[in-house]
Amino acid sequence: MARRTKEEAQETRNRILDAAEHVFFEKGVSRSSLADIAQAAGVTRGAIYWHFENKGDVFTAMFDRVILPLDEMKAATVDPDESDPLGRIKDLCTLCLRDTATDARRRRVFEILFLKCEFVEEMGPVMARHQGNMREGLMRIEEGLRNAMSKGQLPADLDAPRAARVLHSFITGALRDMAILPDMFDVAHNAEQHVEAMLDALRHSPALRVVPAAKG
């Protein structure tokens, strides 16, 4: 009985998140209320508060559903025992772009993030968490790049922090561009080529090399 109750609770939680995804997409986050989400989910506002503290908490859980499945692959990029960390970075970036282009849920969620979310006062904690996730993501990318450098897959003098920011900007920019001009960014078929072009820049761009300190 307890197991069934737990399953029912999880089913209700998922239904709330499904409803929030569609409500946020149609109305925008700032114009959506918990009452709107409750109505779309077919539950009471009390049911929402049983699972979530507020609208920002709902938004965060909705976003986490499409991000968490990538965590295992992220871990592989920084594993010192991984023989091909650059290949895992390529796989991760390609999967992120391709899945966003082909999976309706991921595409909706990123459109909400980039086009339909205003980080106004009530979303302040969400913005703070998003900033924290970005910092953590940049550190993880840098760690993965250093892993690839240690395996001789990237130049030993690569400026890893700068390269991490460039790679992160490429991925987030591509995701945003897909949301704004989906007809001009056929990433579903060309994701691997886009990512390989970015990795070529890391391998060969003089602008991404550590500048030796001037001798005084």
C-alpha atoms as a PDB file:
ATOM      1  CA  MET A   1       0.000   0.000   0.000  1.00  0.00           C
ATOM      2  CA  ALA A   2       2.837   2.357   0.909  1.00  0.00           C
ATOM      3  CA  ARG A   3       4.529   1.600  -2.396  1.00  0.00           C
ATOM      4  CA  ARG A   4       1.330   2.372  -4.294  1.00  0.00           C
ATOM      5  CA  THR A   5       0.972   5.658  -2.402  1.00  0.00           C
ATOM      6  CA  LYS A   6       4.546   6.587  -3.307  1.00  0.00           C
ATOM      7  CA  GLU A   7       3.901   5.752  -6.964  1.00  0.00           C
ATOM      8  CA  GLU A   8       0.744   7.860  -6.949  1.00  0.00           C
ATOM      9  CA  ALA A   9       2.639  10.775  -5.415  1.00  0.00           C
ATOM     10  CA  GLN A  10       5.325  10.522  -8.113  1.00  0.00           C
ATOM     11  CA  GLU A  11       2.646  10.343 -10.786  1.00  0.00           C
ATOM     12  CA  THR A  12       1.023  13.499  -9.419  1.00  0.00           C
ATOM     13  CA  ARG A  13       4.386  15.266  -9.289  1.00  0.00           C
ATOM     14  CA  ASN A  14       5.116  14.370 -12.912  1.00  0.00           C
ATOM     15  CA  ARG A  15       1.664  15.515 -13.973  1.00  0.00           C
ATOM     16  CA  ILE A  16       2.251  18.873 -12.298  1.00  0.00           C
ATOM     17  CA  LEU A  17       5.601  19.265 -14.071  1.00  0.00           C
ATOM     18  CA  ASP A  18       4.084  18.277 -17.416  1.00  0.00           C
ATOM     19  CA  ALA A  19       1.364  20.885 -16.924  1.00  0.00           C
ATOM     20  CA  ALA A  20       3.859  23.546 -15.832  1.00  0.00           C
ATOM     21  CA  GLU A  21       5.939  22.925 -18.931  1.00  0.00           C
ATOM     22  CA  HIS A  22       2.977  23.592 -21.212  1.00  0.00           C
ATOM     23  CA  VAL A  23       1.637  26.536 -19.187  1.00  0.00           C
ATOM     24  CA  PHE A  24       5.051  28.236 -19.046  1.00  0.00           C
ATOM     25  CA  PHE A  25       5.511  27.634 -22.765  1.00  0.00           C
ATOM     26  CA  GLU A  26       2.135  29.124 -23.697  1.00  0.00           C
ATOM     27  CA  LYS A  27       1.962  32.049 -21.239  1.00  0.00           C
ATOM     28  CA  GLY A  28       5.543  32.720 -20.196  1.00  0.00           C
ATOM     29  CA  VAL A  29       6.823  32.124 -16.683  1.00  0.00           C
ATOM     30  CA  SER A  30       6.046  35.537 -15.176  1.00  0.00           C
ATOM     31  CA  ARG A  31       2.435  35.475 -16.429  1.00  0.00           C
ATOM     32  CA  SER A  32       1.774  31.945 -15.191  1.00  0.00           C
ATOM     33  CA  SER A  33       0.397  31.213 -11.733  1.00  0.00           C
ATOM     34  CA  LEU A  34       0.241  28.115  -9.598  1.00  0.00           C
ATOM     35  CA  ALA A  35      -3.520  28.231 -10.100  1.00  0.00           C
ATOM     36  CA  ASP A  36      -2.960  27.992 -13.877  1.00  0.00           C
ATOM     37  CA  ILE A  37      -0.682  25.004 -13.382  1.00  0.00           C
ATOM     38  CA  ALA A  38      -3.077  23.315 -10.956  1.00  0.00           C
ATOM     39  CA  GLN A  39      -5.961  23.715 -13.402  1.00  0.00           C
ATOM     40  CA  ALA A  40      -3.920  22.337 -16.297  1.00  0.00           C
ATOM     41  CA  ALA A  41      -2.746  19.383 -14.177  1.00  0.00           C
ATOM     42  CA  GLY A  42      -6.197  18.646 -12.795  1.00  0.00           C
ATOM     43  CA  VAL A  43      -5.046  19.008  -9.176  1.00  0.00           C
ATOM     44  CA  THR A  44      -5.538  21.486  -6.345  1.00  0.00           C
ATOM     45  CA  ARG A  45      -3.048  24.188  -5.405  1.00  0.00           C
ATOM     46  CA  GLY A  46      -2.601  22.259  -2.178  1.00  0.00           C
ATOM     47  CA  ALA A  47      -1.327  19.298  -4.193  1.00  0.00           C
ATOM     48  CA  ILE A  48       1.270  21.550  -5.798  1.00  0.00           C
ATOM     49  CA  TYR A  49       2.406  22.857  -2.407  1.00  0.00           C
ATOM     50  CA  TRP A  50       2.728  19.267  -1.206  1.00  0.00           C
ATOM     51  CA  HIS A  51       5.453  18.719  -3.798  1.00  0.00           C
ATOM     52  CA  PHE A  52       6.897  22.219  -4.383  1.00  0.00           C
ATOM     53  CA  GLU A  53       7.535  25.340  -2.318  1.00  0.00           C
ATOM     54  CA  ASN A  54       6.616  27.889  -4.994  1.00  0.00           C
ATOM     55  CA  LYS A  55       6.586  28.582  -8.740  1.00  0.00           C
ATOM     56  CA  GLY A  56      10.367  28.884  -8.858  1.00  0.00           C
ATOM     57  CA  ASP A  57      10.686  25.424  -7.313  1.00  0.00           C
ATOM     58  CA  VAL A  58       8.343  24.049  -9.993  1.00  0.00           C
ATOM     59  CA  PHE A  59      10.430  25.718 -12.710  1.00  0.00           C
ATOM     60  CA  THR A  60      13.675  24.292 -11.302  1.00  0.00           C
ATOM     61  CA  ALA A  61      12.280  20.753 -11.130  1.00  0.00           C
ATOM     62  CA  MET A  62      10.938  21.056 -14.670  1.00  0.00           C
ATOM     63  CA  PHE A  63      14.366  22.154 -15.933  1.00  0.00           C
ATOM     64  CA  ASP A  64      16.219  19.463 -13.975  1.00  0.00           C
ATOM     65  CA  ARG A  65      14.238  16.733 -15.715  1.00  0.00           C
ATOM     66  CA  VAL A  66      15.969  17.443 -19.025  1.00  0.00           C
ATOM     67  CA  ILE A  67      19.427  18.132 -17.569  1.00  0.00           C
ATOM     68  CA  LEU A  68      19.965  15.278 -15.111  1.00  0.00           C
ATOM     69  CA  PRO A  69      20.173  12.484 -17.720  1.00  0.00           C
ATOM     70  CA  LEU A  70      23.436  14.052 -18.965  1.00  0.00           C
ATOM     71  CA  ASP A  71      25.156  13.815 -15.581  1.00  0.00           C
ATOM     72  CA  GLU A  72      26.560  10.324 -16.140  1.00  0.00           C
ATOM     73  CA  MET A  73      28.197  11.368 -19.409  1.00  0.00           C
ATOM     74  CA  LYS A  74      29.597  14.517 -17.757  1.00  0.00           C
ATOM     75  CA  ALA A  75      31.278  12.330 -15.165  1.00  0.00           C
ATOM     76  CA  ALA A  76      33.003  10.328 -17.915  1.00  0.00           C
ATOM     77  CA  THR A  77      34.705  13.451 -19.306  1.00  0.00           C
ATOM     78  CA  VAL A  78      36.587  14.045 -16.048  1.00  0.00           C
ATOM     79  CA  ASP A  79      37.319  10.412 -15.128  1.00  0.00           C
ATOM     80  CA  PRO A  80      41.126  10.061 -15.029  1.00  0.00           C
ATOM     81  CA  ASP A  81      40.722   6.443 -16.164  1.00  0.00           C
ATOM     82  CA  GLU A  82      38.794   7.484 -19.293  1.00  0.00           C
ATOM     83  CA  SER A  83      41.054   6.866 -22.295  1.00  0.00           C
ATOM     84  CA  ASP A  84      39.176   9.254 -24.602  1.00  0.00           C
ATOM     85  CA  PRO A  85      37.950  12.253 -22.586  1.00  0.00           C
ATOM     86  CA  LEU A  86      37.809  14.503 -25.653  1.00  0.00           C
ATOM     87  CA  GLY A  87      35.614  11.931 -27.351  1.00  0.00           C
ATOM     88  CA  ARG A  88      33.293  11.957 -24.337  1.00  0.00           C
ATOM     89  CA  ILE A  89      33.178  15.778 -24.465  1.00  0.00           C
ATOM     90  CA  LYS A  90      32.271  15.551 -28.143  1.00  0.00           C
ATOM     91  CA  ASP A  91      29.584  12.958 -27.411  1.00  0.00           C
ATOM     92  CA  LEU A  92      28.144  15.090 -24.609  1.00  0.00           C
ATOM     93  CA  CYS A  93      27.973  18.266 -26.690  1.00  0.00           C
ATOM     94  CA  THR A  94      26.549  16.426 -29.704  1.00  0.00           C
ATOM     95  CA  LEU A  95      23.911  14.694 -27.604  1.00  0.00           C
ATOM     96  CA  CYS A  96      22.906  17.973 -25.963  1.00  0.00           C
ATOM     97  CA  LEU A  97      22.388  19.693 -29.319  1.00  0.00           C
ATOM     98  CA  ARG A  98      20.828  16.754 -31.151  1.00  0.00           C
ATOM     99  CA  ASP A  99      18.446  15.804 -28.361  1.00  0.00           C
ATOM    100  CA  THR A 100      17.279  19.394 -27.982  1.00  0.00           C
ATOM    101  CA  ALA A 101      16.567  19.526 -31.717  1.00  0.00           C
ATOM    102  CA  THR A 102      14.684  16.216 -31.808  1.00  0.00           C
ATOM    103  CA  ASP A 103      13.081  15.847 -28.369  1.00  0.00           C
ATOM    104  CA  ALA A 104       9.942  17.956 -27.954  1.00  0.00           C
ATOM    105  CA  ARG A 105      10.254  18.223 -24.174  1.00  0.00           C
ATOM    106  CA  ARG A 106      13.879  19.371 -24.173  1.00  0.00           C
ATOM    107  CA  ARG A 107      13.139  21.851 -26.954  1.00  0.00           C
ATOM    108  CA  ARG A 108      10.169  23.331 -25.061  1.00  0.00           C
ATOM    109  CA  VAL A 109      12.111  23.635 -21.825  1.00  0.00           C
ATOM    110  CA  PHE A 110      15.030  25.439 -23.469  1.00  0.00           C
ATOM    111  CA  GLU A 111      12.631  27.742 -25.322  1.00  0.00           C
ATOM    112  CA  ILE A 112      11.064  28.584 -21.966  1.00  0.00           C
ATOM    113  CA  LEU A 113      14.491  29.274 -20.446  1.00  0.00           C
ATOM    114  CA  PHE A 114      15.786  31.438 -23.297  1.00  0.00           C
ATOM    115  CA  LEU A 115      12.625  33.124 -24.568  1.00  0.00           C
ATOM    116  CA  LYS A 116       9.847  32.956 -21.995  1.00  0.00           C
ATOM    117  CA  CYS A 117      11.463  33.400 -18.596  1.00  0.00           C
ATOM    118  CA  GLU A 118      11.998  36.761 -16.911  1.00  0.00           C
ATOM    119  CA  PHE A 119      14.216  36.543 -13.852  1.00  0.00           C
ATOM    120  CA  VAL A 120      12.094  39.000 -11.870  1.00  0.00           C
ATOM    121  CA  GLU A 121      12.075  39.205  -8.058  1.00  0.00           C
ATOM    122  CA  GLU A 122      10.071  36.031  -7.445  1.00  0.00           C
ATOM    123  CA  MET A 123      12.518  34.114  -9.642  1.00  0.00           C
ATOM    124  CA  GLY A 124      15.579  35.433  -7.801  1.00  0.00           C
ATOM    125  CA  PRO A 125      16.402  32.086  -6.151  1.00  0.00           C
ATOM    126  CA  VAL A 126      16.058  30.359  -9.529  1.00  0.00           C
ATOM    127  CA  MET A 127      18.497  32.836 -11.072  1.00  0.00           C
ATOM    128  CA  ALA A 128      20.946  32.264  -8.227  1.00  0.00           C
ATOM    129  CA  ARG A 129      20.708  28.509  -8.711  1.00  0.00           C
ATOM    130  CA  HIS A 130      21.100  28.903 -12.473  1.00  0.00           C
ATOM    131  CA  GLN A 131      24.250  30.967 -11.925  1.00  0.00           C
ATOM    132  CA  GLY A 132      25.587  28.316  -9.564  1.00  0.00           C
ATOM    133  CA  ASN A 133      24.896  25.595 -12.110  1.00  0.00           C
ATOM    134  CA  MET A 134      26.684  27.602 -14.787  1.00  0.00           C
ATOM    135  CA  ARG A 135      29.758  28.038 -12.600  1.00  0.00           C
ATOM    136  CA  GLU A 136      29.758  24.343 -11.791  1.00  0.00           C
ATOM    137  CA  GLY A 137      29.286  23.497 -15.478  1.00  0.00           C
ATOM    138  CA  LEU A 138      32.212  25.700 -16.483  1.00  0.00           C
ATOM    139  CA  MET A 139      34.416  24.056 -13.858  1.00  0.00           C
ATOM    140  CA  ARG A 140      33.372  20.610 -15.086  1.00  0.00           C
ATOM    141  CA  ILE A 141      34.119  21.533 -18.726  1.00  0.00           C
ATOM    142  CA  GLU A 142      37.522  22.912 -17.726  1.00  0.00           C
ATOM    143  CA  GLU A 143      38.276  19.742 -15.786  1.00  0.00           C
ATOM    144  CA  GLY A 144      37.300  17.662 -18.804  1.00  0.00           C
ATOM    145  CA  LEU A 145      39.524  19.734 -21.081  1.00  0.00           C
ATOM    146  CA  ARG A 146      42.450  19.345 -18.695  1.00  0.00           C
ATOM    147  CA  ASN A 147      41.809  15.605 -18.712  1.00  0.00           C
ATOM    148  CA  ALA A 148      42.004  15.650 -22.522  1.00  0.00           C
ATOM    149  CA  MET A 149      45.196  17.747 -22.339  1.00  0.00           C
ATOM    150  CA  SER A 150      46.766  15.180 -20.007  1.00  0.00           C
ATOM    151  CA  LYS A 151      46.018  12.464 -22.585  1.00  0.00           C
ATOM    152  CA  GLY A 152      47.638  14.487 -25.397  1.00  0.00           C
ATOM    153  CA  GLN A 153      44.304  15.096 -27.135  1.00  0.00           C
ATOM    154  CA  LEU A 154      44.550  18.879 -26.797  1.00  0.00           C
ATOM    155  CA  PRO A 155      47.608  21.185 -26.810  1.00  0.00           C
ATOM    156  CA  ALA A 156      49.514  21.292 -23.542  1.00  0.00           C
ATOM    157  CA  ASP A 157      49.446  25.107 -23.636  1.00  0.00           C
ATOM    158  CA  LEU A 158      45.666  25.381 -24.105  1.00  0.00           C
ATOM    159  CA  ASP A 159      44.190  28.108 -21.906  1.00  0.00           C
ATOM    160  CA  ALA A 160      41.698  25.731 -20.253  1.00  0.00           C
ATOM    161  CA  PRO A 161      39.555  28.327 -18.411  1.00  0.00           C
ATOM    162  CA  ARG A 162      39.169  30.443 -21.560  1.00  0.00           C
ATOM    163  CA  ALA A 163      38.540  27.369 -23.721  1.00  0.00           C
ATOM    164  CA  ALA A 164      35.849  26.192 -21.280  1.00  0.00           C
ATOM    165  CA  ARG A 165      34.054  29.538 -21.516  1.00  0.00           C
ATOM    166  CA  VAL A 166      34.247  29.482 -25.327  1.00  0.00           C
ATOM    167  CA  LEU A 167      32.891  25.928 -25.512  1.00  0.00           C
ATOM    168  CA  HIS A 168      30.114  26.705 -23.033  1.00  0.00           C
ATOM    169  CA  SER A 169      29.173  29.839 -24.981  1.00  0.00           C
ATOM    170  CA  PHE A 170      29.057  27.829 -28.197  1.00  0.00           C
ATOM    171  CA  ILE A 171      26.656  25.251 -26.752  1.00  0.00           C
ATOM    172  CA  THR A 172      24.327  27.714 -25.024  1.00  0.00           C
ATOM    173  CA  GLY A 173      24.401  30.010 -28.057  1.00  0.00           C
ATOM    174  CA  ALA A 174      23.476  27.134 -30.357  1.00  0.00           C
ATOM    175  CA  LEU A 175      20.600  26.146 -28.073  1.00  0.00           C
ATOM    176  CA  ARG A 176      19.313  29.721 -27.998  1.00  0.00           C
ATOM    177  CA  ASP A 177      19.678  30.121 -31.763  1.00  0.00           C
ATOM    178  CA  MET A 178      17.711  26.916 -32.311  1.00  0.00           C
ATOM    179  CA  ALA A 179      14.915  28.353 -30.203  1.00  0.00           C
ATOM    180  CA  ILE A 180      14.852  31.658 -32.083  1.00  0.00           C
ATOM    181  CA  LEU A 181      15.515  30.461 -35.667  1.00  0.00           C
ATOM    182  CA  PRO A 182      14.836  26.721 -35.782  1.00  0.00           C
ATOM    183  CA  ASP A 183      14.558  26.735 -39.583  1.00  0.00           C
ATOM    184  CA  MET A 184      18.126  28.041 -39.996  1.00  0.00           C
ATOM    185  CA  PHE A 185      19.839  25.688 -37.544  1.00  0.00           C
ATOM    186  CA  ASP A 186      19.406  22.087 -38.671  1.00  0.00           C
ATOM    187  CA  VAL A 187      21.315  20.763 -35.696  1.00  0.00           C
ATOM    188  CA  ALA A 188      19.443  17.456 -35.715  1.00  0.00           C
ATOM    189  CA  HIS A 189      21.494  16.376 -38.745  1.00  0.00           C
ATOM    190  CA  ASN A 190      24.624  18.497 -38.319  1.00  0.00           C
ATOM    191  CA  ALA A 191      25.259  18.470 -34.572  1.00  0.00           C
ATOM    192  CA  GLU A 192      28.410  16.376 -34.798  1.00  0.00           C
ATOM    193  CA  GLN A 193      29.942  18.607 -37.486  1.00  0.00           C
ATOM    194  CA  HIS A 194      29.174  21.748 -35.465  1.00  0.00           C
ATOM    195  CA  VAL A 195      30.808  20.286 -32.378  1.00  0.00           C
ATOM    196  CA  GLU A 196      33.842  19.008 -34.321  1.00  0.00           C
ATOM    197  CA  ALA A 197      34.352  22.504 -35.749  1.00  0.00           C
ATOM    198  CA  MET A 198      34.369  23.889 -32.207  1.00  0.00           C
ATOM    199  CA  LEU A 199      36.871  21.269 -31.064  1.00  0.00           C
ATOM    200  CA  ASP A 200      39.088  22.156 -34.038  1.00  0.00           C
ATOM    201  CA  ALA A 201      39.202  25.700 -32.670  1.00  0.00           C
ATOM    202  CA  LEU A 202      40.388  24.348 -29.316  1.00  0.00           C
ATOM    203  CA  ARG A 203      43.071  22.301 -31.049  1.00  0.00           C
ATOM    204  CA  HIS A 204      44.400  24.984 -33.387  1.00  0.00           C
ATOM    205  CA  SER A 205      43.389  28.538 -32.393  1.00  0.00           C
ATOM    206  CA  PRO A 206      46.358  30.682 -31.252  1.00  0.00           C
ATOM    207  CA  ALA A 207      43.853  32.856 -29.351  1.00  0.00           C
ATOM    208  CA  LEU A 208      43.180  29.929 -27.004  1.00  0.00           C
ATOM    209  CA  ARG A 209      46.799  29.414 -25.988  1.00  0.00           C
ATOM    210  CA  VAL A 210      48.296  30.464 -22.677  1.00  0.00           C
ATOM    211  CA  VAL A 211      50.266  33.674 -23.160  1.00  0.00           C
ATOM    212  CA  PRO A 212      53.736  33.365 -21.554  1.00  0.00           C
ATOM    213  CA  ALA A 213      54.372  35.894 -18.821  1.00  0.00           C
ATOM    214  CA  ALA A 214      56.515  38.801 -19.951  1.00  0.00           C
ATOM    215  CA  LYS A 215      60.026  38.763 -18.573  1.00  0.00           C
ATOM    216  CA  GLY A 216      60.765  41.916 -16.688  1.00  0.00           C
END
